[in-house]
Amino acid sequence: MKKILFLLAGSLLTAQQTSELLSNTWYISKIVTSSGQTTNTPFIDNGVPGTTFNSAGGTSYVINSKYYNTSMMGFGVMPGSNNLIKTSSSCTLLFYNGGNAAPVRAYDQKNCDIYGLGPYASIYSYQITTNGNVKTLIMTDPSGNKIYYNNTNQLSTKEVSTATKTFKTYPNPVKEVLNIENIEKNLSLKIYDLSGKLVFETITNSSKISIDTSSLPKGQYVVMMENYKSNSFIKE
């Protein structure tokens, strides 16, 4: 009888743990290597798609960790723990040729490696923390590398998913004032750095807008606007 009760308790705990994984759509936010190096998710054309966990029948599950490519890992959950036993893995092989290409490709490879390099039956672990309405999922591979996800997408795909219009930015590179032309009034305009941090936000008031970039650090930035394709510029 004690053994039956123990098995039932383990099954209930496993169900509670996996239900939180399955009931959320997760968005990859950063990767921290075992040495402590942190890489925030680089900006990618069309935004970051949602990562999902799906049941594969019984106690088997699959994570589809999505960035540009999708890194897939099949696993079982060890009863009474936050440990996952790897049963299979694969990664799609699309080649990204969009904006911000070099950081995107490097980050994409890390996403594939974390789930793909661990051998069959290796142990992964996960942790879910909550801060207000935001949940953070931390997946740890056998080597100690960590991949973080949030249940909200910082770089929303809504702004660019159906965009067909284009606008002009100049000069590029820019030292002080960035001009943006061929736009409409009353649109949300946002500028992000390549880590996904919002550094500027305004509402357009005419067909042209000038933005003082003198306070921005040197580097590459992405301009996003409702109903328009994103555009990038370099700050010197």
C-alpha atoms as a PDB file:
ATOM      1  CA  MET A   1       0.000   0.000   0.000  1.00  0.00           C
ATOM      2  CA  LYS A   2       2.825   2.447   0.889  1.00  0.00           C
ATOM      3  CA  LYS A   3       4.470   1.754  -2.453  1.00  0.00           C
ATOM      4  CA  ILE A   4       1.211   2.460  -4.310  1.00  0.00           C
ATOM      5  CA  LEU A   5       0.713   5.741  -2.411  1.00  0.00           C
ATOM      6  CA  PHE A   6       4.300   6.775  -3.178  1.00  0.00           C
ATOM      7  CA  LEU A   7       3.813   6.117  -6.895  1.00  0.00           C
ATOM      8  CA  LEU A   8       0.538   8.058  -6.906  1.00  0.00           C
ATOM      9  CA  ALA A   9       2.157  11.009  -5.149  1.00  0.00           C
ATOM     10  CA  GLY A  10       5.039  10.970  -7.636  1.00  0.00           C
ATOM     11  CA  SER A  11       2.642  10.874 -10.577  1.00  0.00           C
ATOM     12  CA  LEU A  12       0.609  13.814  -9.225  1.00  0.00           C
ATOM     13  CA  LEU A  13       3.742  15.890  -8.613  1.00  0.00           C
ATOM     14  CA  THR A  14       5.020  15.140 -12.120  1.00  0.00           C
ATOM     15  CA  ALA A  15       1.668  16.161 -13.609  1.00  0.00           C
ATOM     16  CA  GLN A  16       1.714  19.472 -11.705  1.00  0.00           C
ATOM     17  CA  GLN A  17       5.242  20.241 -12.806  1.00  0.00           C
ATOM     18  CA  THR A  18       4.722  19.443 -16.473  1.00  0.00           C
ATOM     19  CA  SER A  19       1.362  21.242 -16.646  1.00  0.00           C
ATOM     20  CA  GLU A  20       3.120  24.589 -16.094  1.00  0.00           C
ATOM     21  CA  LEU A  21       5.551  23.815 -18.912  1.00  0.00           C
ATOM     22  CA  LEU A  22       2.715  22.809 -21.242  1.00  0.00           C
ATOM     23  CA  SER A  23       0.309  25.646 -20.383  1.00  0.00           C
ATOM     24  CA  ASN A  24       2.690  28.496 -21.291  1.00  0.00           C
ATOM     25  CA  THR A  25       4.247  29.740 -24.508  1.00  0.00           C
ATOM     26  CA  TRP A  26       7.863  30.579 -23.765  1.00  0.00           C
ATOM     27  CA  TYR A  27      10.156  33.079 -25.532  1.00  0.00           C
ATOM     28  CA  ILE A  28      13.920  32.590 -25.424  1.00  0.00           C
ATOM     29  CA  SER A  29      15.532  35.562 -23.637  1.00  0.00           C
ATOM     30  CA  LYS A  30      19.166  34.708 -22.919  1.00  0.00           C
ATOM     31  CA  ILE A  31      21.775  31.959 -22.742  1.00  0.00           C
ATOM     32  CA  VAL A  32      24.277  31.690 -19.900  1.00  0.00           C
ATOM     33  CA  THR A  33      27.206  29.335 -20.402  1.00  0.00           C
ATOM     34  CA  SER A  34      28.706  27.233 -17.610  1.00  0.00           C
ATOM     35  CA  SER A  35      31.581  29.751 -17.442  1.00  0.00           C
ATOM     36  CA  GLY A  36      29.108  32.557 -16.680  1.00  0.00           C
ATOM     37  CA  GLN A  37      29.107  34.316 -20.073  1.00  0.00           C
ATOM     38  CA  THR A  38      25.668  35.770 -20.785  1.00  0.00           C
ATOM     39  CA  THR A  39      24.270  36.405 -24.269  1.00  0.00           C
ATOM     40  CA  ASN A  40      20.912  38.173 -24.520  1.00  0.00           C
ATOM     41  CA  THR A  41      18.696  37.108 -27.394  1.00  0.00           C
ATOM     42  CA  PRO A  42      19.757  39.209 -30.435  1.00  0.00           C
ATOM     43  CA  PHE A  43      17.126  41.031 -32.449  1.00  0.00           C
ATOM     44  CA  ILE A  44      15.858  38.914 -35.344  1.00  0.00           C
ATOM     45  CA  ASP A  45      13.707  39.854 -38.347  1.00  0.00           C
ATOM     46  CA  ASN A  46      10.017  39.109 -37.666  1.00  0.00           C
ATOM     47  CA  GLY A  47      10.634  38.699 -33.947  1.00  0.00           C
ATOM     48  CA  VAL A  48      11.227  35.705 -31.686  1.00  0.00           C
ATOM     49  CA  PRO A  49       8.691  32.875 -32.121  1.00  0.00           C
ATOM     50  CA  GLY A  50       7.218  31.052 -29.152  1.00  0.00           C
ATOM     51  CA  THR A  51       8.821  27.937 -27.677  1.00  0.00           C
ATOM     52  CA  THR A  52       6.358  25.195 -26.773  1.00  0.00           C
ATOM     53  CA  PHE A  53       6.241  21.942 -24.821  1.00  0.00           C
ATOM     54  CA  ASN A  54       4.022  19.210 -26.206  1.00  0.00           C
ATOM     55  CA  SER A  55       2.939  15.813 -24.962  1.00  0.00           C
ATOM     56  CA  ALA A  56       4.237  12.897 -27.021  1.00  0.00           C
ATOM     57  CA  GLY A  57       1.987  10.393 -25.249  1.00  0.00           C
ATOM     58  CA  GLY A  58       2.119   8.937 -21.755  1.00  0.00           C
ATOM     59  CA  THR A  59       4.993  10.460 -19.815  1.00  0.00           C
ATOM     60  CA  SER A  60       6.915  11.522 -22.921  1.00  0.00           C
ATOM     61  CA  TYR A  61       7.214  15.167 -23.968  1.00  0.00           C
ATOM     62  CA  VAL A  62       8.932  17.331 -26.574  1.00  0.00           C
ATOM     63  CA  ILE A  63      10.329  20.845 -26.270  1.00  0.00           C
ATOM     64  CA  ASN A  64      10.458  22.935 -29.443  1.00  0.00           C
ATOM     65  CA  SER A  65      12.957  25.649 -28.555  1.00  0.00           C
ATOM     66  CA  LYS A  66      12.448  28.269 -31.262  1.00  0.00           C
ATOM     67  CA  TYR A  67      14.659  31.081 -32.405  1.00  0.00           C
ATOM     68  CA  TYR A  68      15.400  31.130 -36.151  1.00  0.00           C
ATOM     69  CA  ASN A  69      15.849  27.372 -36.228  1.00  0.00           C
ATOM     70  CA  THR A  70      13.967  25.041 -33.911  1.00  0.00           C
ATOM     71  CA  SER A  71      15.905  22.838 -31.498  1.00  0.00           C
ATOM     72  CA  MET A  72      13.767  19.850 -30.524  1.00  0.00           C
ATOM     73  CA  MET A  73      14.334  17.468 -27.618  1.00  0.00           C
ATOM     74  CA  GLY A  74      12.226  14.535 -26.532  1.00  0.00           C
ATOM     75  CA  PHE A  75      12.302  13.743 -22.804  1.00  0.00           C
ATOM     76  CA  GLY A  76      10.648  12.046 -19.880  1.00  0.00           C
ATOM     77  CA  VAL A  77      10.150  13.682 -16.472  1.00  0.00           C
ATOM     78  CA  MET A  78      11.662  11.968 -13.442  1.00  0.00           C
ATOM     79  CA  PRO A  79       8.828  11.616 -10.867  1.00  0.00           C
ATOM     80  CA  GLY A  80       9.095  13.921  -7.869  1.00  0.00           C
ATOM     81  CA  SER A  81      11.837  16.073  -9.390  1.00  0.00           C
ATOM     82  CA  ASN A  82      12.592  18.840 -11.871  1.00  0.00           C
ATOM     83  CA  ASN A  83      14.900  16.553 -13.836  1.00  0.00           C
ATOM     84  CA  LEU A  84      14.322  15.576 -17.463  1.00  0.00           C
ATOM     85  CA  ILE A  85      15.723  12.470 -19.134  1.00  0.00           C
ATOM     86  CA  LYS A  86      16.668  13.080 -22.763  1.00  0.00           C
ATOM     87  CA  THR A  87      15.287  10.537 -25.240  1.00  0.00           C
ATOM     88  CA  SER A  88      15.941  12.217 -28.603  1.00  0.00           C
ATOM     89  CA  SER A  89      16.968  15.503 -30.233  1.00  0.00           C
ATOM     90  CA  SER A  90      17.212  17.294 -33.568  1.00  0.00           C
ATOM     91  CA  CYS A  91      17.564  20.798 -34.987  1.00  0.00           C
ATOM     92  CA  THR A  92      16.329  22.339 -38.214  1.00  0.00           C
ATOM     93  CA  LEU A  93      18.999  23.503 -40.660  1.00  0.00           C
ATOM     94  CA  LEU A  94      17.708  26.782 -42.109  1.00  0.00           C
ATOM     95  CA  PHE A  95      20.327  29.451 -42.877  1.00  0.00           C
ATOM     96  CA  TYR A  96      19.510  32.939 -41.628  1.00  0.00           C
ATOM     97  CA  ASN A  97      20.344  35.741 -44.071  1.00  0.00           C
ATOM     98  CA  GLY A  98      18.374  38.596 -42.534  1.00  0.00           C
ATOM     99  CA  GLY A  99      19.412  41.648 -40.542  1.00  0.00           C
ATOM    100  CA  ASN A 100      21.868  41.309 -37.672  1.00  0.00           C
ATOM    101  CA  ALA A 101      23.018  38.060 -39.298  1.00  0.00           C
ATOM    102  CA  ALA A 102      26.261  37.255 -37.446  1.00  0.00           C
ATOM    103  CA  PRO A 103      24.889  37.466 -33.849  1.00  0.00           C
ATOM    104  CA  VAL A 104      21.676  35.686 -34.870  1.00  0.00           C
ATOM    105  CA  ARG A 105      23.525  32.759 -36.448  1.00  0.00           C
ATOM    106  CA  ALA A 106      25.859  32.365 -33.448  1.00  0.00           C
ATOM    107  CA  TYR A 107      22.958  32.460 -30.991  1.00  0.00           C
ATOM    108  CA  ASP A 108      20.942  30.086 -33.153  1.00  0.00           C
ATOM    109  CA  GLN A 109      23.786  27.570 -32.976  1.00  0.00           C
ATOM    110  CA  LYS A 110      23.893  27.801 -29.172  1.00  0.00           C
ATOM    111  CA  ASN A 111      20.171  27.039 -29.023  1.00  0.00           C
ATOM    112  CA  CYS A 112      20.724  23.927 -31.145  1.00  0.00           C
ATOM    113  CA  ASP A 113      23.827  22.832 -29.207  1.00  0.00           C
ATOM    114  CA  ILE A 114      22.241  22.992 -25.760  1.00  0.00           C
ATOM    115  CA  TYR A 115      19.612  20.403 -26.644  1.00  0.00           C
ATOM    116  CA  GLY A 116      21.553  18.542 -29.319  1.00  0.00           C
ATOM    117  CA  LEU A 117      24.980  17.879 -27.790  1.00  0.00           C
ATOM    118  CA  GLY A 118      23.909  16.057 -24.649  1.00  0.00           C
ATOM    119  CA  PRO A 119      23.934  12.251 -25.135  1.00  0.00           C
ATOM    120  CA  TYR A 120      20.904   9.963 -24.973  1.00  0.00           C
ATOM    121  CA  ALA A 121      19.599   9.507 -21.389  1.00  0.00           C
ATOM    122  CA  SER A 122      21.515  12.571 -20.155  1.00  0.00           C
ATOM    123  CA  ILE A 123      19.847  14.619 -17.421  1.00  0.00           C
ATOM    124  CA  TYR A 124      18.548  18.155 -17.932  1.00  0.00           C
ATOM    125  CA  SER A 125      16.832  20.180 -15.203  1.00  0.00           C
ATOM    126  CA  TYR A 126      14.426  23.093 -15.151  1.00  0.00           C
ATOM    127  CA  GLN A 127      13.223  25.792 -12.796  1.00  0.00           C
ATOM    128  CA  ILE A 128      10.255  28.164 -13.099  1.00  0.00           C
ATOM    129  CA  THR A 129      10.165  31.456 -11.186  1.00  0.00           C
ATOM    130  CA  THR A 130       7.341  34.023 -11.052  1.00  0.00           C
ATOM    131  CA  ASN A 131       7.576  37.805 -10.802  1.00  0.00           C
ATOM    132  CA  GLY A 132       4.110  39.342 -11.027  1.00  0.00           C
ATOM    133  CA  ASN A 133       2.577  38.133 -14.281  1.00  0.00           C
ATOM    134  CA  VAL A 134       5.934  37.187 -15.773  1.00  0.00           C
ATOM    135  CA  LYS A 135       7.175  33.619 -15.492  1.00  0.00           C
ATOM    136  CA  THR A 136      10.785  32.690 -16.229  1.00  0.00           C
ATOM    137  CA  LEU A 137      11.814  29.189 -17.227  1.00  0.00           C
ATOM    138  CA  ILE A 138      15.460  28.163 -16.785  1.00  0.00           C
ATOM    139  CA  MET A 139      16.609  24.994 -18.558  1.00  0.00           C
ATOM    140  CA  THR A 140      20.033  23.606 -17.578  1.00  0.00           C
ATOM    141  CA  ASP A 141      21.891  21.111 -19.758  1.00  0.00           C
ATOM    142  CA  PRO A 142      24.296  18.385 -18.484  1.00  0.00           C
ATOM    143  CA  SER A 143      27.293  20.727 -18.904  1.00  0.00           C
ATOM    144  CA  GLY A 144      25.756  23.507 -16.781  1.00  0.00           C
ATOM    145  CA  ASN A 145      24.767  25.814 -19.660  1.00  0.00           C
ATOM    146  CA  LYS A 146      21.487  27.589 -18.983  1.00  0.00           C
ATOM    147  CA  ILE A 147      18.864  28.794 -21.433  1.00  0.00           C
ATOM    148  CA  TYR A 148      16.267  31.288 -20.173  1.00  0.00           C
ATOM    149  CA  TYR A 149      12.705  31.811 -21.429  1.00  0.00           C
ATOM    150  CA  ASN A 150       9.933  34.227 -20.453  1.00  0.00           C
ATOM    151  CA  ASN A 151       6.210  33.747 -20.957  1.00  0.00           C
ATOM    152  CA  THR A 152       6.068  37.202 -22.560  1.00  0.00           C
ATOM    153  CA  ASN A 153       7.858  38.295 -25.712  1.00  0.00           C
ATOM    154  CA  GLN A 154       9.902  41.482 -25.232  1.00  0.00           C
ATOM    155  CA  LEU A 155      10.234  42.014 -28.990  1.00  0.00           C
ATOM    156  CA  SER A 156       6.645  41.481 -30.048  1.00  0.00           C
ATOM    157  CA  THR A 157       6.091  39.946 -33.473  1.00  0.00           C
ATOM    158  CA  LYS A 158       2.800  41.824 -33.811  1.00  0.00           C
ATOM    159  CA  GLU A 159       4.584  44.908 -35.101  1.00  0.00           C
ATOM    160  CA  VAL A 160       6.282  43.141 -37.998  1.00  0.00           C
ATOM    161  CA  SER A 161       4.488  39.843 -38.682  1.00  0.00           C
ATOM    162  CA  THR A 162       2.236  41.256 -41.440  1.00  0.00           C
ATOM    163  CA  ALA A 163       4.211  44.348 -42.348  1.00  0.00           C
ATOM    164  CA  THR A 164       4.641  45.199 -46.038  1.00  0.00           C
ATOM    165  CA  LYS A 165       5.402  48.948 -45.975  1.00  0.00           C
ATOM    166  CA  THR A 166       8.936  50.316 -45.821  1.00  0.00           C
ATOM    167  CA  PHE A 167      10.461  53.550 -44.521  1.00  0.00           C
ATOM    168  CA  LYS A 168      13.771  55.332 -45.017  1.00  0.00           C
ATOM    169  CA  THR A 169      16.427  56.058 -42.363  1.00  0.00           C
ATOM    170  CA  TYR A 170      19.451  58.338 -42.924  1.00  0.00           C
ATOM    171  CA  PRO A 171      22.283  59.084 -42.500  1.00  0.00           C
ATOM    172  CA  ASN A 172      23.554  55.582 -41.879  1.00  0.00           C
ATOM    173  CA  PRO A 173      25.900  55.433 -40.006  1.00  0.00           C
ATOM    174  CA  VAL A 174      24.616  58.315 -37.878  1.00  0.00           C
ATOM    175  CA  LYS A 175      26.545  60.495 -35.416  1.00  0.00           C
ATOM    176  CA  GLU A 176      23.802  62.722 -33.989  1.00  0.00           C
ATOM    177  CA  VAL A 177      20.434  63.132 -35.727  1.00  0.00           C
ATOM    178  CA  LEU A 178      18.690  60.196 -37.401  1.00  0.00           C
ATOM    179  CA  ASN A 179      16.021  61.077 -39.962  1.00  0.00           C
ATOM    180  CA  ILE A 180      13.125  58.749 -40.692  1.00  0.00           C
ATOM    181  CA  GLU A 181      10.926  59.387 -43.740  1.00  0.00           C
ATOM    182  CA  ASN A 182       7.981  57.878 -45.638  1.00  0.00           C
ATOM    183  CA  ILE A 183       5.935  57.162 -42.532  1.00  0.00           C
ATOM    184  CA  GLU A 184       2.422  57.886 -41.319  1.00  0.00           C
ATOM    185  CA  LYS A 185       1.147  59.883 -38.359  1.00  0.00           C
ATOM    186  CA  ASN A 186       0.133  58.468 -34.986  1.00  0.00           C
ATOM    187  CA  LEU A 187       2.182  55.289 -35.174  1.00  0.00           C
ATOM    188  CA  SER A 188       4.213  53.712 -32.383  1.00  0.00           C
ATOM    189  CA  LEU A 189       7.938  53.941 -33.204  1.00  0.00           C
ATOM    190  CA  LYS A 190      10.482  52.030 -31.120  1.00  0.00           C
ATOM    191  CA  ILE A 191      14.243  51.628 -31.259  1.00  0.00           C
ATOM    192  CA  TYR A 192      15.949  48.549 -29.787  1.00  0.00           C
ATOM    193  CA  ASP A 193      19.581  47.675 -29.326  1.00  0.00           C
ATOM    194  CA  LEU A 194      20.734  44.231 -30.437  1.00  0.00           C
ATOM    195  CA  SER A 195      20.173  42.696 -27.004  1.00  0.00           C
ATOM    196  CA  GLY A 196      16.468  43.459 -27.344  1.00  0.00           C
ATOM    197  CA  LYS A 197      16.490  46.428 -24.928  1.00  0.00           C
ATOM    198  CA  LEU A 198      14.096  49.261 -25.774  1.00  0.00           C
ATOM    199  CA  VAL A 199      16.178  52.467 -25.920  1.00  0.00           C
ATOM    200  CA  PHE A 200      13.715  54.930 -27.494  1.00  0.00           C
ATOM    201  CA  GLU A 201       9.959  55.168 -28.009  1.00  0.00           C
ATOM    202  CA  THR A 202       7.655  57.819 -29.459  1.00  0.00           C
ATOM    203  CA  ILE A 203       4.497  58.414 -31.505  1.00  0.00           C
ATOM    204  CA  THR A 204       4.987  59.800 -34.999  1.00  0.00           C
ATOM    205  CA  ASN A 205       3.411  63.201 -35.702  1.00  0.00           C
ATOM    206  CA  SER A 206       4.174  63.653 -39.411  1.00  0.00           C
ATOM    207  CA  SER A 207       5.541  61.888 -42.485  1.00  0.00           C
ATOM    208  CA  LYS A 208       9.091  62.588 -41.267  1.00  0.00           C
ATOM    209  CA  ILE A 209      10.704  62.469 -37.836  1.00  0.00           C
ATOM    210  CA  SER A 210      14.175  63.412 -36.590  1.00  0.00           C
ATOM    211  CA  ILE A 211      15.644  61.649 -33.546  1.00  0.00           C
ATOM    212  CA  ASP A 212      18.620  62.810 -31.487  1.00  0.00           C
ATOM    213  CA  THR A 213      20.845  59.737 -31.067  1.00  0.00           C
ATOM    214  CA  SER A 214      23.764  61.514 -29.375  1.00  0.00           C
ATOM    215  CA  SER A 215      23.070  59.791 -26.041  1.00  0.00           C
ATOM    216  CA  LEU A 216      23.098  56.291 -27.561  1.00  0.00           C
ATOM    217  CA  PRO A 217      26.273  54.192 -27.261  1.00  0.00           C
ATOM    218  CA  LYS A 218      28.036  53.226 -30.474  1.00  0.00           C
ATOM    219  CA  GLY A 219      26.603  50.122 -32.114  1.00  0.00           C
ATOM    220  CA  GLN A 220      23.782  48.789 -34.251  1.00  0.00           C
ATOM    221  CA  TYR A 221      20.108  49.497 -33.574  1.00  0.00           C
ATOM    222  CA  VAL A 222      16.777  48.407 -34.998  1.00  0.00           C
ATOM    223  CA  VAL A 223      13.830  50.725 -35.714  1.00  0.00           C
ATOM    224  CA  MET A 224      10.410  49.117 -35.455  1.00  0.00           C
ATOM    225  CA  MET A 225       7.103  50.715 -36.371  1.00  0.00           C
ATOM    226  CA  GLU A 226       3.535  49.501 -36.616  1.00  0.00           C
ATOM    227  CA  ASN A 227       2.613  48.132 -40.061  1.00  0.00           C
ATOM    228  CA  TYR A 228       6.156  48.669 -41.398  1.00  0.00           C
ATOM    229  CA  LYS A 229       9.097  46.367 -41.948  1.00  0.00           C
ATOM    230  CA  SER A 230      11.885  46.926 -39.444  1.00  0.00           C
ATOM    231  CA  ASN A 231      14.983  48.919 -40.392  1.00  0.00           C
ATOM    232  CA  SER A 232      18.437  49.070 -38.828  1.00  0.00           C
ATOM    233  CA  PHE A 233      21.113  51.755 -38.454  1.00  0.00           C
ATOM    234  CA  ILE A 234      24.592  52.079 -36.983  1.00  0.00           C
ATOM    235  CA  LYS A 235      25.445  54.720 -34.381  1.00  0.00           C
ATOM    236  CA  GLU A 236      29.040  56.004 -34.663  1.00  0.00           C
END
